[in-house]
Amino acid sequence: MNAVDKRSLPRNASPPTGVKAEPPTGMKAEPPTGMKAEPPTGMKAEPPTDMKAEPPTGAKAEPPTGMEAEGYRALMRHQAGAVTVIATGQPGTRAGLTATAVASLSDNPPTILACVQRKASAHDIIVSSGVFSVNLLTTAQQDIAETFAGRRGARGEARFLAGTWATLASGAPVLVGALAVLDCRLVDRHDFTTHSIFIGRVLAGRWDEKGEPLLYFRNDFWDLTGR
């Protein structure tokens, strides 16, 4: 292209078309279509399906089923426990059972808890009378333990032919010559599946300083005298 001699142009004349000041079309400021600000489809912020927060099926939060009753009973036979007789009722309608599920609850006020099978004959009498006693047995009273455990065939009032019985503050029967007795008034009760948990306020008690405890361990009675 030949140069234009400005001297040959008239004043106020526009430059020839080929030298316009605007940039050519190819130099527009807008970025080309391929440079749009949106990320491409493959860069979406959502995590892929296999990264979801839900745990896989094999990691469910449900707890395991747990131990069966037979295995649990076999396990608990290894817990040595003091043998007691829980007794209740008035002469002629008395009932009682041998138990190890007895424990101190508090000394302010003095209270104990005793777990009793809801099918036991003494259960409903404790509920209706509102009183019961816990009698800790000595090594000399194993026959009483077996009687109240039902091993001698006696039931109800007939069980009280074993041993000598009296009363203290509540009127519930207490065993004379026991290692210790706790005379209780029923103040609360909680039912759980097969058993009731009785909470008793201790009204009176007595004990034998020279007696030796009868224990139950591995499905049998134990005498620790001399050991």
Protein backbone atom coordinates (compact mmCIF):
# COMPACT_ATOMS: atom_id res chain seq x y z
CA MET A 1 0.00 0.00 0.00
CA ASN A 2 1.42 3.39 -1.08
CA ALA A 3 2.01 6.05 1.57
CA VAL A 4 -0.38 8.99 1.59
CA ASP A 5 1.18 12.41 1.25
CA LYS A 6 -0.61 14.58 3.82
CA ARG A 7 0.39 17.68 1.90
CA SER A 8 -1.76 16.59 -1.02
CA LEU A 9 -4.85 16.27 1.18
CA PRO A 10 -7.21 19.19 1.58
CA ARG A 11 -7.70 20.66 5.04
CA ASN A 12 -10.32 18.99 7.28
CA ALA A 13 -10.26 16.00 5.05
CA SER A 14 -10.75 12.58 6.60
CA PRO A 15 -8.08 10.00 6.18
CA PRO A 16 -8.73 7.31 3.66
CA THR A 17 -10.86 4.41 4.65
CA GLY A 18 -7.93 2.07 5.08
CA VAL A 19 -6.50 4.00 8.06
CA LYS A 20 -9.51 4.27 10.41
CA ALA A 21 -8.57 4.49 14.11
CA GLU A 22 -10.88 1.71 15.28
CA PRO A 23 -9.15 -1.63 15.82
CA PRO A 24 -10.02 -4.35 13.39
CA THR A 25 -12.89 -6.66 14.20
CA GLY A 26 -10.51 -9.40 15.36
CA MET A 27 -9.31 -7.22 18.26
CA LYS A 28 -12.60 -6.77 20.16
CA ALA A 29 -12.23 -6.69 24.00
CA GLU A 30 -14.67 -9.47 24.66
CA PRO A 31 -12.98 -12.83 25.18
CA PRO A 32 -13.71 -15.49 22.65
CA THR A 33 -16.50 -17.94 23.32
CA GLY A 34 -14.06 -20.60 24.54
CA MET A 35 -12.93 -18.37 27.45
CA LYS A 36 -16.22 -17.97 29.29
CA ALA A 37 -15.87 -17.70 33.11
CA GLU A 38 -18.11 -20.64 33.88
CA PRO A 39 -16.15 -23.83 34.64
CA PRO A 40 -16.65 -26.65 32.21
CA THR A 41 -19.26 -29.27 33.00
CA GLY A 42 -16.68 -31.75 34.32
CA MET A 43 -15.61 -29.34 37.10
CA LYS A 44 -18.92 -29.02 38.99
CA ALA A 45 -18.57 -28.59 42.77
CA GLU A 46 -20.81 -31.51 43.70
CA PRO A 47 -18.85 -34.59 44.85
CA PRO A 48 -19.24 -37.72 42.78
CA THR A 49 -21.90 -40.19 43.83
CA ASP A 50 -19.41 -42.55 45.55
CA MET A 51 -18.31 -39.77 47.95
CA LYS A 52 -21.67 -39.19 49.64
CA ALA A 53 -21.62 -38.94 53.46
CA GLU A 54 -23.99 -41.85 54.08
CA PRO A 55 -22.13 -44.91 55.47
CA PRO A 56 -22.22 -48.05 53.39
CA THR A 57 -24.83 -50.66 54.20
CA GLY A 58 -22.32 -52.77 56.14
CA ALA A 59 -21.67 -49.92 58.64
CA LYS A 60 -25.16 -49.53 60.09
CA ALA A 61 -25.33 -48.05 63.60
CA GLU A 62 -27.65 -50.66 65.09
CA PRO A 63 -26.07 -52.35 68.16
CA PRO A 64 -25.40 -56.09 68.10
CA THR A 65 -28.08 -58.43 69.34
CA GLY A 66 -26.19 -59.25 72.56
CA MET A 67 -25.68 -62.30 74.74
CA GLU A 68 -28.35 -64.97 75.05
CA ALA A 69 -29.96 -65.71 78.44
CA GLU A 70 -28.26 -69.09 78.91
CA GLY A 71 -24.78 -67.68 78.35
CA TYR A 72 -25.51 -64.76 80.64
CA ARG A 73 -26.62 -67.04 83.49
CA ALA A 74 -23.46 -69.13 83.07
CA LEU A 75 -21.39 -65.97 83.25
CA MET A 76 -23.08 -64.61 86.37
CA ARG A 77 -22.55 -67.89 88.25
CA HIS A 78 -18.95 -66.72 88.61
CA GLN A 79 -20.01 -63.78 90.77
CA ALA A 80 -19.87 -64.89 94.39
CA GLY A 81 -22.76 -63.47 96.39
CA ALA A 82 -24.07 -63.40 99.93
CA VAL A 83 -27.06 -65.71 100.34
CA THR A 84 -30.19 -64.04 101.72
CA VAL A 85 -33.82 -64.88 102.36
CA ILE A 86 -36.32 -62.17 101.45
CA ALA A 87 -39.44 -62.62 103.59
CA THR A 88 -42.80 -60.87 103.83
CA GLY A 89 -46.39 -61.27 105.00
CA GLN A 90 -48.22 -62.08 108.21
CA PRO A 91 -48.43 -65.50 109.95
CA GLY A 92 -50.57 -67.80 107.85
CA THR A 93 -49.90 -65.92 104.59
CA ARG A 94 -46.13 -65.49 104.73
CA ALA A 95 -43.92 -66.02 101.71
CA GLY A 96 -40.21 -65.85 101.01
CA LEU A 97 -37.44 -66.74 98.61
CA THR A 98 -33.68 -67.25 98.54
CA ALA A 99 -31.89 -64.44 96.71
CA THR A 100 -28.47 -62.96 96.01
CA ALA A 101 -29.63 -59.88 94.07
CA VAL A 102 -29.63 -57.59 97.11
CA ALA A 103 -27.50 -54.48 97.62
CA SER A 104 -27.07 -51.41 99.76
CA LEU A 105 -28.41 -48.30 98.03
CA SER A 106 -27.74 -45.42 100.44
CA ASP A 107 -27.11 -44.61 104.09
CA ASN A 108 -28.93 -41.27 103.92
CA PRO A 109 -31.53 -42.43 104.56
CA PRO A 110 -30.62 -46.11 105.01
CA THR A 111 -32.09 -47.91 102.00
CA ILE A 112 -31.49 -51.17 100.19
CA LEU A 113 -32.67 -52.66 96.92
CA ALA A 114 -33.80 -56.20 96.27
CA CYS A 115 -34.63 -57.77 92.92
CA VAL A 116 -37.54 -60.24 92.99
CA GLN A 117 -38.91 -62.35 90.14
CA ARG A 118 -42.42 -61.13 89.33
CA LYS A 119 -43.70 -64.73 89.32
CA ALA A 120 -42.38 -65.42 92.82
CA SER A 121 -45.06 -66.00 95.46
CA ALA A 122 -43.56 -63.28 97.66
CA HIS A 123 -43.70 -60.62 94.95
CA ASP A 124 -47.34 -59.59 95.17
CA ILE A 125 -47.37 -59.87 98.98
CA ILE A 126 -44.47 -57.39 99.18
CA VAL A 127 -46.44 -55.04 96.94
CA SER A 128 -49.68 -55.34 98.88
CA SER A 129 -48.22 -55.32 102.40
CA GLY A 130 -45.55 -52.71 101.74
CA VAL A 131 -43.00 -54.44 104.01
CA PHE A 132 -40.27 -57.05 103.68
CA SER A 133 -37.10 -58.23 105.36
CA VAL A 134 -33.69 -59.23 104.03
CA ASN A 135 -31.97 -61.94 106.08
CA LEU A 136 -28.28 -62.70 105.45
CA LEU A 137 -27.60 -66.37 106.19
CA THR A 138 -24.74 -68.01 108.04
CA THR A 139 -22.90 -71.16 107.04
CA ALA A 140 -25.08 -73.04 109.55
CA GLN A 141 -28.26 -72.07 107.68
CA GLN A 142 -27.74 -73.72 104.30
CA ASP A 143 -30.83 -75.89 104.86
CA ILE A 144 -32.93 -72.71 105.18
CA ALA A 145 -31.42 -71.41 101.93
CA GLU A 146 -32.32 -74.63 100.13
CA THR A 147 -35.85 -74.61 101.59
CA PHE A 148 -36.59 -71.06 100.42
CA ALA A 149 -35.02 -71.84 97.05
CA GLY A 150 -37.69 -74.52 96.55
CA ARG A 151 -35.30 -77.46 96.71
CA ARG A 152 -37.18 -79.13 99.58
CA GLY A 153 -40.62 -78.92 97.97
CA ALA A 154 -42.09 -76.51 100.55
CA ARG A 155 -44.11 -73.48 99.45
CA GLY A 156 -45.63 -70.41 101.05
CA GLU A 157 -46.16 -70.61 104.79
CA ALA A 158 -44.67 -74.13 104.94
CA ARG A 159 -41.19 -72.73 104.24
CA PHE A 160 -41.21 -70.92 107.59
CA LEU A 161 -41.08 -74.26 109.42
CA ALA A 162 -37.36 -74.05 108.69
CA GLY A 163 -35.71 -71.80 111.28
CA THR A 164 -37.18 -69.57 113.96
CA TRP A 165 -38.92 -66.37 112.95
CA ALA A 166 -39.83 -63.16 114.77
CA THR A 167 -40.75 -59.56 113.84
CA LEU A 168 -39.21 -56.12 114.35
CA ALA A 169 -40.56 -52.65 113.49
CA SER A 170 -42.39 -53.33 110.22
CA GLY A 171 -44.05 -56.62 111.18
CA ALA A 172 -42.33 -58.53 108.36
CA PRO A 173 -40.86 -61.89 109.43
CA VAL A 174 -37.15 -61.84 110.35
CA LEU A 175 -34.94 -64.88 110.90
CA VAL A 176 -33.61 -65.45 114.41
CA GLY A 177 -29.89 -66.30 114.38
CA ALA A 178 -29.20 -64.82 110.93
CA LEU A 179 -25.86 -63.20 110.20
CA ALA A 180 -27.77 -59.91 109.80
CA VAL A 181 -31.37 -58.83 109.20
CA LEU A 182 -32.75 -55.65 107.66
CA ASP A 183 -36.38 -54.82 108.39
CA CYS A 184 -37.78 -52.65 105.60
CA ARG A 185 -40.72 -50.59 104.48
CA LEU A 186 -41.26 -50.52 100.71
CA VAL A 187 -40.75 -46.97 99.41
CA ASP A 188 -40.35 -47.49 95.67
CA ARG A 189 -40.65 -50.11 92.97
CA HIS A 190 -39.36 -50.38 89.40
CA ASP A 191 -40.47 -53.14 87.03
CA PHE A 192 -38.04 -54.39 84.40
CA THR A 193 -38.92 -57.32 82.14
CA THR A 194 -39.03 -60.39 84.44
CA HIS A 195 -38.22 -58.71 87.77
CA SER A 196 -39.20 -55.90 90.09
CA ILE A 197 -36.61 -53.81 91.87
CA PHE A 198 -37.89 -53.10 95.38
CA ILE A 199 -36.35 -50.20 97.28
CA GLY A 200 -36.74 -50.53 101.03
CA ARG A 201 -36.25 -47.97 103.77
CA VAL A 202 -34.47 -49.80 106.59
CA LEU A 203 -36.47 -49.36 109.80
CA ALA A 204 -34.57 -51.73 112.07
CA GLY A 205 -31.91 -54.41 112.02
CA ARG A 206 -29.61 -56.65 113.99
CA TRP A 207 -26.53 -58.78 113.36
CA ASP A 208 -24.30 -61.55 114.74
CA GLU A 209 -20.65 -60.53 115.16
CA LYS A 210 -19.47 -64.16 115.32
CA GLY A 211 -21.34 -65.60 112.37
CA GLU A 212 -19.70 -66.67 109.07
CA PRO A 213 -21.39 -65.81 105.75
CA LEU A 214 -22.96 -68.38 103.46
CA LEU A 215 -22.00 -67.65 99.85
CA TYR A 216 -23.32 -68.79 96.48
CA PHE A 217 -20.74 -69.38 93.76
CA ARG A 218 -20.70 -71.43 90.55
CA ASN A 219 -24.17 -72.83 91.16
CA ASP A 220 -23.43 -74.09 94.68
CA PHE A 221 -23.30 -72.94 98.32
CA TRP A 222 -19.88 -72.21 99.80
CA ASP A 223 -18.60 -72.19 103.34
CA LEU A 224 -15.46 -70.05 103.74
CA THR A 225 -14.87 -70.94 107.39
CA GLY A 226 -11.18 -71.56 108.05
CA ARG A 227 -10.04 -70.28 104.63
